[in-house]
Amino acid sequence: TNVSAQDKKDMFNPVNTSVTSQTIA
């Protein structure tokens, strides 16, 4: 169960926004 929970914790979960070009240096 802990390994399964750890797999969930390590899921790819980025913060989504619109107009992402505003973050480009």
PDBML (XML) file of the C-alpha atoms, coordinates in Angstrom:
<?xml version="1.0" encoding="UTF-8" ?>
<PDBx:datablock datablockName="MODEL"
   xmlns:PDBx="http://pdbml.pdb.org/schema/pdbx-v50.xsd"
   xmlns:xsi="http://www.w3.org/2001/XMLSchema-instance"
   xsi:schemaLocation="http://pdbml.pdb.org/schema/pdbx-v50.xsd pdbx-v50.xsd">
   <PDBx:atom_siteCategory>
      <PDBx:atom_site id="1">
         <PDBx:B_iso_or_equiv>0.00</PDBx:B_iso_or_equiv>
         <PDBx:Cartn_x>0.000</PDBx:Cartn_x>
         <PDBx:Cartn_y>0.000</PDBx:Cartn_y>
         <PDBx:Cartn_z>0.000</PDBx:Cartn_z>
         <PDBx:auth_asym_id>A</PDBx:auth_asym_id>
         <PDBx:auth_atom_id>CA</PDBx:auth_atom_id>
         <PDBx:auth_comp_id>THR</PDBx:auth_comp_id>
         <PDBx:auth_seq_id>1</PDBx:auth_seq_id>
         <PDBx:group_PDB>ATOM</PDBx:group_PDB>
         <PDBx:label_alt_id xsi:nil="true" />
         <PDBx:label_asym_id>A</PDBx:label_asym_id>
         <PDBx:label_atom_id>CA</PDBx:label_atom_id>
         <PDBx:label_comp_id>THR</PDBx:label_comp_id>
         <PDBx:label_entity_id>1</PDBx:label_entity_id>
         <PDBx:label_seq_id>1</PDBx:label_seq_id>
         <PDBx:occupancy>1.00</PDBx:occupancy>
         <PDBx:pdbx_PDB_model_num>1</PDBx:pdbx_PDB_model_num>
         <PDBx:type_symbol>C</PDBx:type_symbol>
      </PDBx:atom_site>
      <PDBx:atom_site id="2">
         <PDBx:B_iso_or_equiv>0.00</PDBx:B_iso_or_equiv>
         <PDBx:Cartn_x>2.831</PDBx:Cartn_x>
         <PDBx:Cartn_y>2.368</PDBx:Cartn_y>
         <PDBx:Cartn_z>0.863</PDBx:Cartn_z>
         <PDBx:auth_asym_id>A</PDBx:auth_asym_id>
         <PDBx:auth_atom_id>CA</PDBx:auth_atom_id>
         <PDBx:auth_comp_id>ASN</PDBx:auth_comp_id>
         <PDBx:auth_seq_id>2</PDBx:auth_seq_id>
         <PDBx:group_PDB>ATOM</PDBx:group_PDB>
         <PDBx:label_alt_id xsi:nil="true" />
         <PDBx:label_asym_id>A</PDBx:label_asym_id>
         <PDBx:label_atom_id>CA</PDBx:label_atom_id>
         <PDBx:label_comp_id>ASN</PDBx:label_comp_id>
         <PDBx:label_entity_id>1</PDBx:label_entity_id>
         <PDBx:label_seq_id>2</PDBx:label_seq_id>
         <PDBx:occupancy>1.00</PDBx:occupancy>
         <PDBx:pdbx_PDB_model_num>1</PDBx:pdbx_PDB_model_num>
         <PDBx:type_symbol>C</PDBx:type_symbol>
      </PDBx:atom_site>
      <PDBx:atom_site id="3">
         <PDBx:B_iso_or_equiv>0.00</PDBx:B_iso_or_equiv>
         <PDBx:Cartn_x>4.614</PDBx:Cartn_x>
         <PDBx:Cartn_y>1.649</PDBx:Cartn_y>
         <PDBx:Cartn_z>-2.418</PDBx:Cartn_z>
         <PDBx:auth_asym_id>A</PDBx:auth_asym_id>
         <PDBx:auth_atom_id>CA</PDBx:auth_atom_id>
         <PDBx:auth_comp_id>VAL</PDBx:auth_comp_id>
         <PDBx:auth_seq_id>3</PDBx:auth_seq_id>
         <PDBx:group_PDB>ATOM</PDBx:group_PDB>
         <PDBx:label_alt_id xsi:nil="true" />
         <PDBx:label_asym_id>A</PDBx:label_asym_id>
         <PDBx:label_atom_id>CA</PDBx:label_atom_id>
         <PDBx:label_comp_id>VAL</PDBx:label_comp_id>
         <PDBx:label_entity_id>1</PDBx:label_entity_id>
         <PDBx:label_seq_id>3</PDBx:label_seq_id>
         <PDBx:occupancy>1.00</PDBx:occupancy>
         <PDBx:pdbx_PDB_model_num>1</PDBx:pdbx_PDB_model_num>
         <PDBx:type_symbol>C</PDBx:type_symbol>
      </PDBx:atom_site>
      <PDBx:atom_site id="4">
         <PDBx:B_iso_or_equiv>0.00</PDBx:B_iso_or_equiv>
         <PDBx:Cartn_x>1.347</PDBx:Cartn_x>
         <PDBx:Cartn_y>2.260</PDBx:Cartn_y>
         <PDBx:Cartn_z>-4.288</PDBx:Cartn_z>
         <PDBx:auth_asym_id>A</PDBx:auth_asym_id>
         <PDBx:auth_atom_id>CA</PDBx:auth_atom_id>
         <PDBx:auth_comp_id>SER</PDBx:auth_comp_id>
         <PDBx:auth_seq_id>4</PDBx:auth_seq_id>
         <PDBx:group_PDB>ATOM</PDBx:group_PDB>
         <PDBx:label_alt_id xsi:nil="true" />
         <PDBx:label_asym_id>A</PDBx:label_asym_id>
         <PDBx:label_atom_id>CA</PDBx:label_atom_id>
         <PDBx:label_comp_id>SER</PDBx:label_comp_id>
         <PDBx:label_entity_id>1</PDBx:label_entity_id>
         <PDBx:label_seq_id>4</PDBx:label_seq_id>
         <PDBx:occupancy>1.00</PDBx:occupancy>
         <PDBx:pdbx_PDB_model_num>1</PDBx:pdbx_PDB_model_num>
         <PDBx:type_symbol>C</PDBx:type_symbol>
      </PDBx:atom_site>
      <PDBx:atom_site id="5">
         <PDBx:B_iso_or_equiv>0.00</PDBx:B_iso_or_equiv>
         <PDBx:Cartn_x>0.861</PDBx:Cartn_x>
         <PDBx:Cartn_y>5.522</PDBx:Cartn_y>
         <PDBx:Cartn_z>-2.379</PDBx:Cartn_z>
         <PDBx:auth_asym_id>A</PDBx:auth_asym_id>
         <PDBx:auth_atom_id>CA</PDBx:auth_atom_id>
         <PDBx:auth_comp_id>ALA</PDBx:auth_comp_id>
         <PDBx:auth_seq_id>5</PDBx:auth_seq_id>
         <PDBx:group_PDB>ATOM</PDBx:group_PDB>
         <PDBx:label_alt_id xsi:nil="true" />
         <PDBx:label_asym_id>A</PDBx:label_asym_id>
         <PDBx:label_atom_id>CA</PDBx:label_atom_id>
         <PDBx:label_comp_id>ALA</PDBx:label_comp_id>
         <PDBx:label_entity_id>1</PDBx:label_entity_id>
         <PDBx:label_seq_id>5</PDBx:label_seq_id>
         <PDBx:occupancy>1.00</PDBx:occupancy>
         <PDBx:pdbx_PDB_model_num>1</PDBx:pdbx_PDB_model_num>
         <PDBx:type_symbol>C</PDBx:type_symbol>
      </PDBx:atom_site>
      <PDBx:atom_site id="6">
         <PDBx:B_iso_or_equiv>0.00</PDBx:B_iso_or_equiv>
         <PDBx:Cartn_x>4.446</PDBx:Cartn_x>
         <PDBx:Cartn_y>6.495</PDBx:Cartn_y>
         <PDBx:Cartn_z>-3.141</PDBx:Cartn_z>
         <PDBx:auth_asym_id>A</PDBx:auth_asym_id>
         <PDBx:auth_atom_id>CA</PDBx:auth_atom_id>
         <PDBx:auth_comp_id>GLN</PDBx:auth_comp_id>
         <PDBx:auth_seq_id>6</PDBx:auth_seq_id>
         <PDBx:group_PDB>ATOM</PDBx:group_PDB>
         <PDBx:label_alt_id xsi:nil="true" />
         <PDBx:label_asym_id>A</PDBx:label_asym_id>
         <PDBx:label_atom_id>CA</PDBx:label_atom_id>
         <PDBx:label_comp_id>GLN</PDBx:label_comp_id>
         <PDBx:label_entity_id>1</PDBx:label_entity_id>
         <PDBx:label_seq_id>6</PDBx:label_seq_id>
         <PDBx:occupancy>1.00</PDBx:occupancy>
         <PDBx:pdbx_PDB_model_num>1</PDBx:pdbx_PDB_model_num>
         <PDBx:type_symbol>C</PDBx:type_symbol>
      </PDBx:atom_site>
      <PDBx:atom_site id="7">
         <PDBx:B_iso_or_equiv>0.00</PDBx:B_iso_or_equiv>
         <PDBx:Cartn_x>3.799</PDBx:Cartn_x>
         <PDBx:Cartn_y>5.865</PDBx:Cartn_y>
         <PDBx:Cartn_z>-6.840</PDBx:Cartn_z>
         <PDBx:auth_asym_id>A</PDBx:auth_asym_id>
         <PDBx:auth_atom_id>CA</PDBx:auth_atom_id>
         <PDBx:auth_comp_id>ASP</PDBx:auth_comp_id>
         <PDBx:auth_seq_id>7</PDBx:auth_seq_id>
         <PDBx:group_PDB>ATOM</PDBx:group_PDB>
         <PDBx:label_alt_id xsi:nil="true" />
         <PDBx:label_asym_id>A</PDBx:label_asym_id>
         <PDBx:label_atom_id>CA</PDBx:label_atom_id>
         <PDBx:label_comp_id>ASP</PDBx:label_comp_id>
         <PDBx:label_entity_id>1</PDBx:label_entity_id>
         <PDBx:label_seq_id>7</PDBx:label_seq_id>
         <PDBx:occupancy>1.00</PDBx:occupancy>
         <PDBx:pdbx_PDB_model_num>1</PDBx:pdbx_PDB_model_num>
         <PDBx:type_symbol>C</PDBx:type_symbol>
      </PDBx:atom_site>
      <PDBx:atom_site id="8">
         <PDBx:B_iso_or_equiv>0.00</PDBx:B_iso_or_equiv>
         <PDBx:Cartn_x>0.824</PDBx:Cartn_x>
         <PDBx:Cartn_y>8.224</PDBx:Cartn_y>
         <PDBx:Cartn_z>-6.602</PDBx:Cartn_z>
         <PDBx:auth_asym_id>A</PDBx:auth_asym_id>
         <PDBx:auth_atom_id>CA</PDBx:auth_atom_id>
         <PDBx:auth_comp_id>LYS</PDBx:auth_comp_id>
         <PDBx:auth_seq_id>8</PDBx:auth_seq_id>
         <PDBx:group_PDB>ATOM</PDBx:group_PDB>
         <PDBx:label_alt_id xsi:nil="true" />
         <PDBx:label_asym_id>A</PDBx:label_asym_id>
         <PDBx:label_atom_id>CA</PDBx:label_atom_id>
         <PDBx:label_comp_id>LYS</PDBx:label_comp_id>
         <PDBx:label_entity_id>1</PDBx:label_entity_id>
         <PDBx:label_seq_id>8</PDBx:label_seq_id>
         <PDBx:occupancy>1.00</PDBx:occupancy>
         <PDBx:pdbx_PDB_model_num>1</PDBx:pdbx_PDB_model_num>
         <PDBx:type_symbol>C</PDBx:type_symbol>
      </PDBx:atom_site>
      <PDBx:atom_site id="9">
         <PDBx:B_iso_or_equiv>0.00</PDBx:B_iso_or_equiv>
         <PDBx:Cartn_x>2.976</PDBx:Cartn_x>
         <PDBx:Cartn_y>10.790</PDBx:Cartn_y>
         <PDBx:Cartn_z>-4.833</PDBx:Cartn_z>
         <PDBx:auth_asym_id>A</PDBx:auth_asym_id>
         <PDBx:auth_atom_id>CA</PDBx:auth_atom_id>
         <PDBx:auth_comp_id>LYS</PDBx:auth_comp_id>
         <PDBx:auth_seq_id>9</PDBx:auth_seq_id>
         <PDBx:group_PDB>ATOM</PDBx:group_PDB>
         <PDBx:label_alt_id xsi:nil="true" />
         <PDBx:label_asym_id>A</PDBx:label_asym_id>
         <PDBx:label_atom_id>CA</PDBx:label_atom_id>
         <PDBx:label_comp_id>LYS</PDBx:label_comp_id>
         <PDBx:label_entity_id>1</PDBx:label_entity_id>
         <PDBx:label_seq_id>9</PDBx:label_seq_id>
         <PDBx:occupancy>1.00</PDBx:occupancy>
         <PDBx:pdbx_PDB_model_num>1</PDBx:pdbx_PDB_model_num>
         <PDBx:type_symbol>C</PDBx:type_symbol>
      </PDBx:atom_site>
      <PDBx:atom_site id="10">
         <PDBx:B_iso_or_equiv>0.00</PDBx:B_iso_or_equiv>
         <PDBx:Cartn_x>5.495</PDBx:Cartn_x>
         <PDBx:Cartn_y>10.627</PDBx:Cartn_y>
         <PDBx:Cartn_z>-7.659</PDBx:Cartn_z>
         <PDBx:auth_asym_id>A</PDBx:auth_asym_id>
         <PDBx:auth_atom_id>CA</PDBx:auth_atom_id>
         <PDBx:auth_comp_id>ASP</PDBx:auth_comp_id>
         <PDBx:auth_seq_id>10</PDBx:auth_seq_id>
         <PDBx:group_PDB>ATOM</PDBx:group_PDB>
         <PDBx:label_alt_id xsi:nil="true" />
         <PDBx:label_asym_id>A</PDBx:label_asym_id>
         <PDBx:label_atom_id>CA</PDBx:label_atom_id>
         <PDBx:label_comp_id>ASP</PDBx:label_comp_id>
         <PDBx:label_entity_id>1</PDBx:label_entity_id>
         <PDBx:label_seq_id>10</PDBx:label_seq_id>
         <PDBx:occupancy>1.00</PDBx:occupancy>
         <PDBx:pdbx_PDB_model_num>1</PDBx:pdbx_PDB_model_num>
         <PDBx:type_symbol>C</PDBx:type_symbol>
      </PDBx:atom_site>
      <PDBx:atom_site id="11">
         <PDBx:B_iso_or_equiv>0.00</PDBx:B_iso_or_equiv>
         <PDBx:Cartn_x>2.887</PDBx:Cartn_x>
         <PDBx:Cartn_y>11.176</PDBx:Cartn_y>
         <PDBx:Cartn_z>-10.378</PDBx:Cartn_z>
         <PDBx:auth_asym_id>A</PDBx:auth_asym_id>
         <PDBx:auth_atom_id>CA</PDBx:auth_atom_id>
         <PDBx:auth_comp_id>MET</PDBx:auth_comp_id>
         <PDBx:auth_seq_id>11</PDBx:auth_seq_id>
         <PDBx:group_PDB>ATOM</PDBx:group_PDB>
         <PDBx:label_alt_id xsi:nil="true" />
         <PDBx:label_asym_id>A</PDBx:label_asym_id>
         <PDBx:label_atom_id>CA</PDBx:label_atom_id>
         <PDBx:label_comp_id>MET</PDBx:label_comp_id>
         <PDBx:label_entity_id>1</PDBx:label_entity_id>
         <PDBx:label_seq_id>11</PDBx:label_seq_id>
         <PDBx:occupancy>1.00</PDBx:occupancy>
         <PDBx:pdbx_PDB_model_num>1</PDBx:pdbx_PDB_model_num>
         <PDBx:type_symbol>C</PDBx:type_symbol>
      </PDBx:atom_site>
      <PDBx:atom_site id="12">
         <PDBx:B_iso_or_equiv>0.00</PDBx:B_iso_or_equiv>
         <PDBx:Cartn_x>3.539</PDBx:Cartn_x>
         <PDBx:Cartn_y>13.791</PDBx:Cartn_y>
         <PDBx:Cartn_z>-13.035</PDBx:Cartn_z>
         <PDBx:auth_asym_id>A</PDBx:auth_asym_id>
         <PDBx:auth_atom_id>CA</PDBx:auth_atom_id>
         <PDBx:auth_comp_id>PHE</PDBx:auth_comp_id>
         <PDBx:auth_seq_id>12</PDBx:auth_seq_id>
         <PDBx:group_PDB>ATOM</PDBx:group_PDB>
         <PDBx:label_alt_id xsi:nil="true" />
         <PDBx:label_asym_id>A</PDBx:label_asym_id>
         <PDBx:label_atom_id>CA</PDBx:label_atom_id>
         <PDBx:label_comp_id>PHE</PDBx:label_comp_id>
         <PDBx:label_entity_id>1</PDBx:label_entity_id>
         <PDBx:label_seq_id>12</PDBx:label_seq_id>
         <PDBx:occupancy>1.00</PDBx:occupancy>
         <PDBx:pdbx_PDB_model_num>1</PDBx:pdbx_PDB_model_num>
         <PDBx:type_symbol>C</PDBx:type_symbol>
      </PDBx:atom_site>
      <PDBx:atom_site id="13">
         <PDBx:B_iso_or_equiv>0.00</PDBx:B_iso_or_equiv>
         <PDBx:Cartn_x>1.344</PDBx:Cartn_x>
         <PDBx:Cartn_y>16.681</PDBx:Cartn_y>
         <PDBx:Cartn_z>-11.900</PDBx:Cartn_z>
         <PDBx:auth_asym_id>A</PDBx:auth_asym_id>
         <PDBx:auth_atom_id>CA</PDBx:auth_atom_id>
         <PDBx:auth_comp_id>ASN</PDBx:auth_comp_id>
         <PDBx:auth_seq_id>13</PDBx:auth_seq_id>
         <PDBx:group_PDB>ATOM</PDBx:group_PDB>
         <PDBx:label_alt_id xsi:nil="true" />
         <PDBx:label_asym_id>A</PDBx:label_asym_id>
         <PDBx:label_atom_id>CA</PDBx:label_atom_id>
         <PDBx:label_comp_id>ASN</PDBx:label_comp_id>
         <PDBx:label_entity_id>1</PDBx:label_entity_id>
         <PDBx:label_seq_id>13</PDBx:label_seq_id>
         <PDBx:occupancy>1.00</PDBx:occupancy>
         <PDBx:pdbx_PDB_model_num>1</PDBx:pdbx_PDB_model_num>
         <PDBx:type_symbol>C</PDBx:type_symbol>
      </PDBx:atom_site>
      <PDBx:atom_site id="14">
         <PDBx:B_iso_or_equiv>0.00</PDBx:B_iso_or_equiv>
         <PDBx:Cartn_x>2.476</PDBx:Cartn_x>
         <PDBx:Cartn_y>20.043</PDBx:Cartn_y>
         <PDBx:Cartn_z>-13.307</PDBx:Cartn_z>
         <PDBx:auth_asym_id>A</PDBx:auth_asym_id>
         <PDBx:auth_atom_id>CA</PDBx:auth_atom_id>
         <PDBx:auth_comp_id>PRO</PDBx:auth_comp_id>
         <PDBx:auth_seq_id>14</PDBx:auth_seq_id>
         <PDBx:group_PDB>ATOM</PDBx:group_PDB>
         <PDBx:label_alt_id xsi:nil="true" />
         <PDBx:label_asym_id>A</PDBx:label_asym_id>
         <PDBx:label_atom_id>CA</PDBx:label_atom_id>
         <PDBx:label_comp_id>PRO</PDBx:label_comp_id>
         <PDBx:label_entity_id>1</PDBx:label_entity_id>
         <PDBx:label_seq_id>14</PDBx:label_seq_id>
         <PDBx:occupancy>1.00</PDBx:occupancy>
         <PDBx:pdbx_PDB_model_num>1</PDBx:pdbx_PDB_model_num>
         <PDBx:type_symbol>C</PDBx:type_symbol>
      </PDBx:atom_site>
      <PDBx:atom_site id="15">
         <PDBx:B_iso_or_equiv>0.00</PDBx:B_iso_or_equiv>
         <PDBx:Cartn_x>0.850</PDBx:Cartn_x>
         <PDBx:Cartn_y>23.389</PDBx:Cartn_y>
         <PDBx:Cartn_z>-12.537</PDBx:Cartn_z>
         <PDBx:auth_asym_id>A</PDBx:auth_asym_id>
         <PDBx:auth_atom_id>CA</PDBx:auth_atom_id>
         <PDBx:auth_comp_id>VAL</PDBx:auth_comp_id>
         <PDBx:auth_seq_id>15</PDBx:auth_seq_id>
         <PDBx:group_PDB>ATOM</PDBx:group_PDB>
         <PDBx:label_alt_id xsi:nil="true" />
         <PDBx:label_asym_id>A</PDBx:label_asym_id>
         <PDBx:label_atom_id>CA</PDBx:label_atom_id>
         <PDBx:label_comp_id>VAL</PDBx:label_comp_id>
         <PDBx:label_entity_id>1</PDBx:label_entity_id>
         <PDBx:label_seq_id>15</PDBx:label_seq_id>
         <PDBx:occupancy>1.00</PDBx:occupancy>
         <PDBx:pdbx_PDB_model_num>1</PDBx:pdbx_PDB_model_num>
         <PDBx:type_symbol>C</PDBx:type_symbol>
      </PDBx:atom_site>
      <PDBx:atom_site id="16">
         <PDBx:B_iso_or_equiv>0.00</PDBx:B_iso_or_equiv>
         <PDBx:Cartn_x>-1.229</PDBx:Cartn_x>
         <PDBx:Cartn_y>24.343</PDBx:Cartn_y>
         <PDBx:Cartn_z>-15.585</PDBx:Cartn_z>
         <PDBx:auth_asym_id>A</PDBx:auth_asym_id>
         <PDBx:auth_atom_id>CA</PDBx:auth_atom_id>
         <PDBx:auth_comp_id>ASN</PDBx:auth_comp_id>
         <PDBx:auth_seq_id>16</PDBx:auth_seq_id>
         <PDBx:group_PDB>ATOM</PDBx:group_PDB>
         <PDBx:label_alt_id xsi:nil="true" />
         <PDBx:label_asym_id>A</PDBx:label_asym_id>
         <PDBx:label_atom_id>CA</PDBx:label_atom_id>
         <PDBx:label_comp_id>ASN</PDBx:label_comp_id>
         <PDBx:label_entity_id>1</PDBx:label_entity_id>
         <PDBx:label_seq_id>16</PDBx:label_seq_id>
         <PDBx:occupancy>1.00</PDBx:occupancy>
         <PDBx:pdbx_PDB_model_num>1</PDBx:pdbx_PDB_model_num>
         <PDBx:type_symbol>C</PDBx:type_symbol>
      </PDBx:atom_site>
      <PDBx:atom_site id="17">
         <PDBx:B_iso_or_equiv>0.00</PDBx:B_iso_or_equiv>
         <PDBx:Cartn_x>-1.649</PDBx:Cartn_x>
         <PDBx:Cartn_y>27.907</PDBx:Cartn_y>
         <PDBx:Cartn_z>-16.854</PDBx:Cartn_z>
         <PDBx:auth_asym_id>A</PDBx:auth_asym_id>
         <PDBx:auth_atom_id>CA</PDBx:auth_atom_id>
         <PDBx:auth_comp_id>THR</PDBx:auth_comp_id>
         <PDBx:auth_seq_id>17</PDBx:auth_seq_id>
         <PDBx:group_PDB>ATOM</PDBx:group_PDB>
         <PDBx:label_alt_id xsi:nil="true" />
         <PDBx:label_asym_id>A</PDBx:label_asym_id>
         <PDBx:label_atom_id>CA</PDBx:label_atom_id>
         <PDBx:label_comp_id>THR</PDBx:label_comp_id>
         <PDBx:label_entity_id>1</PDBx:label_entity_id>
         <PDBx:label_seq_id>17</PDBx:label_seq_id>
         <PDBx:occupancy>1.00</PDBx:occupancy>
         <PDBx:pdbx_PDB_model_num>1</PDBx:pdbx_PDB_model_num>
         <PDBx:type_symbol>C</PDBx:type_symbol>
      </PDBx:atom_site>
      <PDBx:atom_site id="18">
         <PDBx:B_iso_or_equiv>0.00</PDBx:B_iso_or_equiv>
         <PDBx:Cartn_x>-2.645</PDBx:Cartn_x>
         <PDBx:Cartn_y>29.656</PDBx:Cartn_y>
         <PDBx:Cartn_z>-20.039</PDBx:Cartn_z>
         <PDBx:auth_asym_id>A</PDBx:auth_asym_id>
         <PDBx:auth_atom_id>CA</PDBx:auth_atom_id>
         <PDBx:auth_comp_id>SER</PDBx:auth_comp_id>
         <PDBx:auth_seq_id>18</PDBx:auth_seq_id>
         <PDBx:group_PDB>ATOM</PDBx:group_PDB>
         <PDBx:label_alt_id xsi:nil="true" />
         <PDBx:label_asym_id>A</PDBx:label_asym_id>
         <PDBx:label_atom_id>CA</PDBx:label_atom_id>
         <PDBx:label_comp_id>SER</PDBx:label_comp_id>
         <PDBx:label_entity_id>1</PDBx:label_entity_id>
         <PDBx:label_seq_id>18</PDBx:label_seq_id>
         <PDBx:occupancy>1.00</PDBx:occupancy>
         <PDBx:pdbx_PDB_model_num>1</PDBx:pdbx_PDB_model_num>
         <PDBx:type_symbol>C</PDBx:type_symbol>
      </PDBx:atom_site>
      <PDBx:atom_site id="19">
         <PDBx:B_iso_or_equiv>0.00</PDBx:B_iso_or_equiv>
         <PDBx:Cartn_x>-0.365</PDBx:Cartn_x>
         <PDBx:Cartn_y>32.083</PDBx:Cartn_y>
         <PDBx:Cartn_z>-21.974</PDBx:Cartn_z>
         <PDBx:auth_asym_id>A</PDBx:auth_asym_id>
         <PDBx:auth_atom_id>CA</PDBx:auth_atom_id>
         <PDBx:auth_comp_id>VAL</PDBx:auth_comp_id>
         <PDBx:auth_seq_id>19</PDBx:auth_seq_id>
         <PDBx:group_PDB>ATOM</PDBx:group_PDB>
         <PDBx:label_alt_id xsi:nil="true" />
         <PDBx:label_asym_id>A</PDBx:label_asym_id>
         <PDBx:label_atom_id>CA</PDBx:label_atom_id>
         <PDBx:label_comp_id>VAL</PDBx:label_comp_id>
         <PDBx:label_entity_id>1</PDBx:label_entity_id>
         <PDBx:label_seq_id>19</PDBx:label_seq_id>
         <PDBx:occupancy>1.00</PDBx:occupancy>
         <PDBx:pdbx_PDB_model_num>1</PDBx:pdbx_PDB_model_num>
         <PDBx:type_symbol>C</PDBx:type_symbol>
      </PDBx:atom_site>
      <PDBx:atom_site id="20">
         <PDBx:B_iso_or_equiv>0.00</PDBx:B_iso_or_equiv>
         <PDBx:Cartn_x>2.709</PDBx:Cartn_x>
         <PDBx:Cartn_y>30.111</PDBx:Cartn_y>
         <PDBx:Cartn_z>-20.895</PDBx:Cartn_z>
         <PDBx:auth_asym_id>A</PDBx:auth_asym_id>
         <PDBx:auth_atom_id>CA</PDBx:auth_atom_id>
         <PDBx:auth_comp_id>THR</PDBx:auth_comp_id>
         <PDBx:auth_seq_id>20</PDBx:auth_seq_id>
         <PDBx:group_PDB>ATOM</PDBx:group_PDB>
         <PDBx:label_alt_id xsi:nil="true" />
         <PDBx:label_asym_id>A</PDBx:label_asym_id>
         <PDBx:label_atom_id>CA</PDBx:label_atom_id>
         <PDBx:label_comp_id>THR</PDBx:label_comp_id>
         <PDBx:label_entity_id>1</PDBx:label_entity_id>
         <PDBx:label_seq_id>20</PDBx:label_seq_id>
         <PDBx:occupancy>1.00</PDBx:occupancy>
         <PDBx:pdbx_PDB_model_num>1</PDBx:pdbx_PDB_model_num>
         <PDBx:type_symbol>C</PDBx:type_symbol>
      </PDBx:atom_site>
      <PDBx:atom_site id="21">
         <PDBx:B_iso_or_equiv>0.00</PDBx:B_iso_or_equiv>
         <PDBx:Cartn_x>4.869</PDBx:Cartn_x>
         <PDBx:Cartn_y>32.263</PDBx:Cartn_y>
         <PDBx:Cartn_z>-23.169</PDBx:Cartn_z>
         <PDBx:auth_asym_id>A</PDBx:auth_asym_id>
         <PDBx:auth_atom_id>CA</PDBx:auth_atom_id>
         <PDBx:auth_comp_id>SER</PDBx:auth_comp_id>
         <PDBx:auth_seq_id>21</PDBx:auth_seq_id>
         <PDBx:group_PDB>ATOM</PDBx:group_PDB>
         <PDBx:label_alt_id xsi:nil="true" />
         <PDBx:label_asym_id>A</PDBx:label_asym_id>
         <PDBx:label_atom_id>CA</PDBx:label_atom_id>
         <PDBx:label_comp_id>SER</PDBx:label_comp_id>
         <PDBx:label_entity_id>1</PDBx:label_entity_id>
         <PDBx:label_seq_id>21</PDBx:label_seq_id>
         <PDBx:occupancy>1.00</PDBx:occupancy>
         <PDBx:pdbx_PDB_model_num>1</PDBx:pdbx_PDB_model_num>
         <PDBx:type_symbol>C</PDBx:type_symbol>
      </PDBx:atom_site>
      <PDBx:atom_site id="22">
         <PDBx:B_iso_or_equiv>0.00</PDBx:B_iso_or_equiv>
         <PDBx:Cartn_x>4.851</PDBx:Cartn_x>
         <PDBx:Cartn_y>34.837</PDBx:Cartn_y>
         <PDBx:Cartn_z>-20.349</PDBx:Cartn_z>
         <PDBx:auth_asym_id>A</PDBx:auth_asym_id>
         <PDBx:auth_atom_id>CA</PDBx:auth_atom_id>
         <PDBx:auth_comp_id>GLN</PDBx:auth_comp_id>
         <PDBx:auth_seq_id>22</PDBx:auth_seq_id>
         <PDBx:group_PDB>ATOM</PDBx:group_PDB>
         <PDBx:label_alt_id xsi:nil="true" />
         <PDBx:label_asym_id>A</PDBx:label_asym_id>
         <PDBx:label_atom_id>CA</PDBx:label_atom_id>
         <PDBx:label_comp_id>GLN</PDBx:label_comp_id>
         <PDBx:label_entity_id>1</PDBx:label_entity_id>
         <PDBx:label_seq_id>22</PDBx:label_seq_id>
         <PDBx:occupancy>1.00</PDBx:occupancy>
         <PDBx:pdbx_PDB_model_num>1</PDBx:pdbx_PDB_model_num>
         <PDBx:type_symbol>C</PDBx:type_symbol>
      </PDBx:atom_site>
      <PDBx:atom_site id="23">
         <PDBx:B_iso_or_equiv>0.00</PDBx:B_iso_or_equiv>
         <PDBx:Cartn_x>7.186</PDBx:Cartn_x>
         <PDBx:Cartn_y>32.557</PDBx:Cartn_y>
         <PDBx:Cartn_z>-18.376</PDBx:Cartn_z>
         <PDBx:auth_asym_id>A</PDBx:auth_asym_id>
         <PDBx:auth_atom_id>CA</PDBx:auth_atom_id>
         <PDBx:auth_comp_id>THR</PDBx:auth_comp_id>
         <PDBx:auth_seq_id>23</PDBx:auth_seq_id>
         <PDBx:group_PDB>ATOM</PDBx:group_PDB>
         <PDBx:label_alt_id xsi:nil="true" />
         <PDBx:label_asym_id>A</PDBx:label_asym_id>
         <PDBx:label_atom_id>CA</PDBx:label_atom_id>
         <PDBx:label_comp_id>THR</PDBx:label_comp_id>
         <PDBx:label_entity_id>1</PDBx:label_entity_id>
         <PDBx:label_seq_id>23</PDBx:label_seq_id>
         <PDBx:occupancy>1.00</PDBx:occupancy>
         <PDBx:pdbx_PDB_model_num>1</PDBx:pdbx_PDB_model_num>
         <PDBx:type_symbol>C</PDBx:type_symbol>
      </PDBx:atom_site>
      <PDBx:atom_site id="24">
         <PDBx:B_iso_or_equiv>0.00</PDBx:B_iso_or_equiv>
         <PDBx:Cartn_x>9.890</PDBx:Cartn_x>
         <PDBx:Cartn_y>32.316</PDBx:Cartn_y>
         <PDBx:Cartn_z>-21.063</PDBx:Cartn_z>
         <PDBx:auth_asym_id>A</PDBx:auth_asym_id>
         <PDBx:auth_atom_id>CA</PDBx:auth_atom_id>
         <PDBx:auth_comp_id>ILE</PDBx:auth_comp_id>
         <PDBx:auth_seq_id>24</PDBx:auth_seq_id>
         <PDBx:group_PDB>ATOM</PDBx:group_PDB>
         <PDBx:label_alt_id xsi:nil="true" />
         <PDBx:label_asym_id>A</PDBx:label_asym_id>
         <PDBx:label_atom_id>CA</PDBx:label_atom_id>
         <PDBx:label_comp_id>ILE</PDBx:label_comp_id>
         <PDBx:label_entity_id>1</PDBx:label_entity_id>
         <PDBx:label_seq_id>24</PDBx:label_seq_id>
         <PDBx:occupancy>1.00</PDBx:occupancy>
         <PDBx:pdbx_PDB_model_num>1</PDBx:pdbx_PDB_model_num>
         <PDBx:type_symbol>C</PDBx:type_symbol>
      </PDBx:atom_site>
      <PDBx:atom_site id="25">
         <PDBx:B_iso_or_equiv>0.00</PDBx:B_iso_or_equiv>
         <PDBx:Cartn_x>13.066</PDBx:Cartn_x>
         <PDBx:Cartn_y>34.240</PDBx:Cartn_y>
         <PDBx:Cartn_z>-20.207</PDBx:Cartn_z>
         <PDBx:auth_asym_id>A</PDBx:auth_asym_id>
         <PDBx:auth_atom_id>CA</PDBx:auth_atom_id>
         <PDBx:auth_comp_id>ALA</PDBx:auth_comp_id>
         <PDBx:auth_seq_id>25</PDBx:auth_seq_id>
         <PDBx:group_PDB>ATOM</PDBx:group_PDB>
         <PDBx:label_alt_id xsi:nil="true" />
         <PDBx:label_asym_id>A</PDBx:label_asym_id>
         <PDBx:label_atom_id>CA</PDBx:label_atom_id>
         <PDBx:label_comp_id>ALA</PDBx:label_comp_id>
         <PDBx:label_entity_id>1</PDBx:label_entity_id>
         <PDBx:label_seq_id>25</PDBx:label_seq_id>
         <PDBx:occupancy>1.00</PDBx:occupancy>
         <PDBx:pdbx_PDB_model_num>1</PDBx:pdbx_PDB_model_num>
         <PDBx:type_symbol>C</PDBx:type_symbol>
      </PDBx:atom_site>
   </PDBx:atom_siteCategory>
</PDBx:datablock>
